[in-house]
Amino acid sequence: MDATINITVSIGVTEVRKGDTLELALARADDRLYSAKHQGRNRVVAE
């Protein structure tokens, strides 16, 4: 039985800045992730 599985990848990237909390850095990366998904998926959005 042959089956095709389609996989998409969306990635949000940020750098941890001096004074950042973990929560703030993760929130920025999460914002970039959703930006990548809204731009058509299979993308990397970095700050």
N, C-alpha and C. Protein backbone atom coordinates (compact mmCIF):
# COMPACT_ATOMS: atom_id res chain seq x y z
N MET A 1 0.84 -1.18 0.00
CA MET A 1 0.00 0.00 0.00
C MET A 1 0.88 1.24 0.00
N ASP A 2 0.79 2.04 -1.05
CA ASP A 2 1.54 3.29 -1.13
C ASP A 2 0.68 4.42 -0.59
N ALA A 3 1.29 5.26 0.21
CA ALA A 3 0.57 6.42 0.76
C ALA A 3 1.49 7.62 0.71
N THR A 4 0.90 8.74 0.43
CA THR A 4 1.65 9.99 0.42
C THR A 4 1.24 10.80 1.64
N ILE A 5 2.24 11.27 2.35
CA ILE A 5 1.99 12.13 3.51
C ILE A 5 2.62 13.49 3.22
N ASN A 6 1.82 14.53 3.26
CA ASN A 6 2.32 15.88 3.06
C ASN A 6 2.62 16.51 4.41
N ILE A 7 3.82 17.05 4.53
CA ILE A 7 4.24 17.69 5.77
C ILE A 7 4.64 19.11 5.47
N THR A 8 4.19 20.05 6.29
CA THR A 8 4.62 21.44 6.16
C THR A 8 5.39 21.82 7.42
N VAL A 9 6.28 22.80 7.26
CA VAL A 9 7.08 23.27 8.39
C VAL A 9 7.04 24.78 8.41
N SER A 10 6.71 25.31 9.57
CA SER A 10 6.75 26.75 9.80
C SER A 10 7.59 26.98 11.06
N ILE A 11 8.53 27.93 10.97
CA ILE A 11 9.45 28.15 12.08
C ILE A 11 9.51 29.64 12.41
N GLY A 12 9.48 29.93 13.69
CA GLY A 12 9.67 31.30 14.17
C GLY A 12 10.95 31.38 14.97
N VAL A 13 11.80 32.35 14.64
CA VAL A 13 13.12 32.45 15.26
C VAL A 13 13.31 33.85 15.84
N THR A 14 13.91 33.89 17.01
CA THR A 14 14.29 35.17 17.60
C THR A 14 15.60 34.98 18.34
N GLU A 15 16.25 36.06 18.66
CA GLU A 15 17.43 35.96 19.51
C GLU A 15 17.05 36.40 20.92
N VAL A 16 17.73 35.84 21.88
CA VAL A 16 17.49 36.25 23.26
C VAL A 16 18.33 37.50 23.50
N ARG A 17 17.65 38.56 23.88
CA ARG A 17 18.31 39.85 24.09
C ARG A 17 18.62 40.06 25.57
N LYS A 18 19.60 40.87 25.80
CA LYS A 18 19.96 41.20 27.18
C LYS A 18 18.74 41.75 27.90
N GLY A 19 18.44 41.19 29.05
CA GLY A 19 17.29 41.64 29.82
C GLY A 19 16.00 40.91 29.53
N ASP A 20 16.01 40.05 28.50
CA ASP A 20 14.82 39.27 28.18
C ASP A 20 14.52 38.25 29.26
N THR A 21 13.25 38.02 29.49
CA THR A 21 12.83 36.86 30.26
C THR A 21 12.60 35.73 29.26
N LEU A 22 12.56 34.52 29.74
CA LEU A 22 12.26 33.39 28.87
C LEU A 22 10.91 33.58 28.22
N GLU A 23 9.95 34.04 28.99
CA GLU A 23 8.59 34.22 28.47
C GLU A 23 8.55 35.24 27.33
N LEU A 24 9.30 36.32 27.45
CA LEU A 24 9.33 37.35 26.41
C LEU A 24 9.97 36.82 25.13
N ALA A 25 11.07 36.12 25.27
CA ALA A 25 11.74 35.55 24.09
C ALA A 25 10.85 34.52 23.40
N LEU A 26 10.19 33.68 24.18
CA LEU A 26 9.29 32.69 23.59
C LEU A 26 8.09 33.35 22.92
N ALA A 27 7.59 34.42 23.50
CA ALA A 27 6.46 35.13 22.90
C ALA A 27 6.86 35.72 21.55
N ARG A 28 8.07 36.27 21.44
CA ARG A 28 8.53 36.81 20.15
C ARG A 28 8.66 35.69 19.12
N ALA A 29 9.24 34.56 19.52
CA ALA A 29 9.37 33.43 18.59
C ALA A 29 8.00 32.93 18.17
N ASP A 30 7.06 32.89 19.10
CA ASP A 30 5.70 32.45 18.80
C ASP A 30 5.03 33.41 17.80
N ASP A 31 5.24 34.71 17.98
CA ASP A 31 4.71 35.68 17.02
C ASP A 31 5.26 35.43 15.63
N ARG A 32 6.55 35.14 15.54
CA ARG A 32 7.17 34.86 14.24
C ARG A 32 6.63 33.57 13.64
N LEU A 33 6.38 32.58 14.48
CA LEU A 33 5.82 31.31 14.01
C LEU A 33 4.47 31.54 13.35
N TYR A 34 3.59 32.28 14.01
CA TYR A 34 2.27 32.52 13.44
C TYR A 34 2.35 33.40 12.20
N SER A 35 3.33 34.28 12.15
CA SER A 35 3.56 35.08 10.95
C SER A 35 3.94 34.16 9.78
N ALA A 36 4.81 33.20 10.04
CA ALA A 36 5.22 32.25 9.00
C ALA A 36 4.02 31.45 8.50
N LYS A 37 3.18 31.01 9.41
CA LYS A 37 2.00 30.23 9.01
C LYS A 37 1.04 31.06 8.16
N HIS A 38 0.87 32.32 8.51
CA HIS A 38 -0.05 33.18 7.77
C HIS A 38 0.50 33.57 6.40
N GLN A 39 1.83 33.50 6.23
CA GLN A 39 2.43 33.85 4.94
C GLN A 39 2.44 32.67 3.97
N GLY A 40 1.90 31.56 4.37
CA GLY A 40 1.78 30.45 3.44
C GLY A 40 2.46 29.17 3.87
N ARG A 41 2.92 29.12 5.08
CA ARG A 41 3.57 27.93 5.63
C ARG A 41 4.85 27.60 4.88
N ASN A 42 5.53 26.57 5.34
CA ASN A 42 6.82 26.18 4.78
C ASN A 42 7.77 27.37 4.69
N ARG A 43 7.81 28.12 5.79
CA ARG A 43 8.64 29.31 5.85
C ARG A 43 9.34 29.41 7.19
N VAL A 44 10.40 30.21 7.19
CA VAL A 44 11.09 30.58 8.42
C VAL A 44 10.99 32.10 8.51
N VAL A 45 10.49 32.59 9.64
CA VAL A 45 10.45 34.03 9.88
C VAL A 45 11.34 34.32 11.06
N ALA A 46 12.34 35.15 10.83
CA ALA A 46 13.30 35.51 11.87
C ALA A 46 13.26 37.01 12.10
N GLU A 47 13.68 37.37 13.25
CA GLU A 47 13.70 38.77 13.64
C GLU A 47 15.04 39.38 13.28
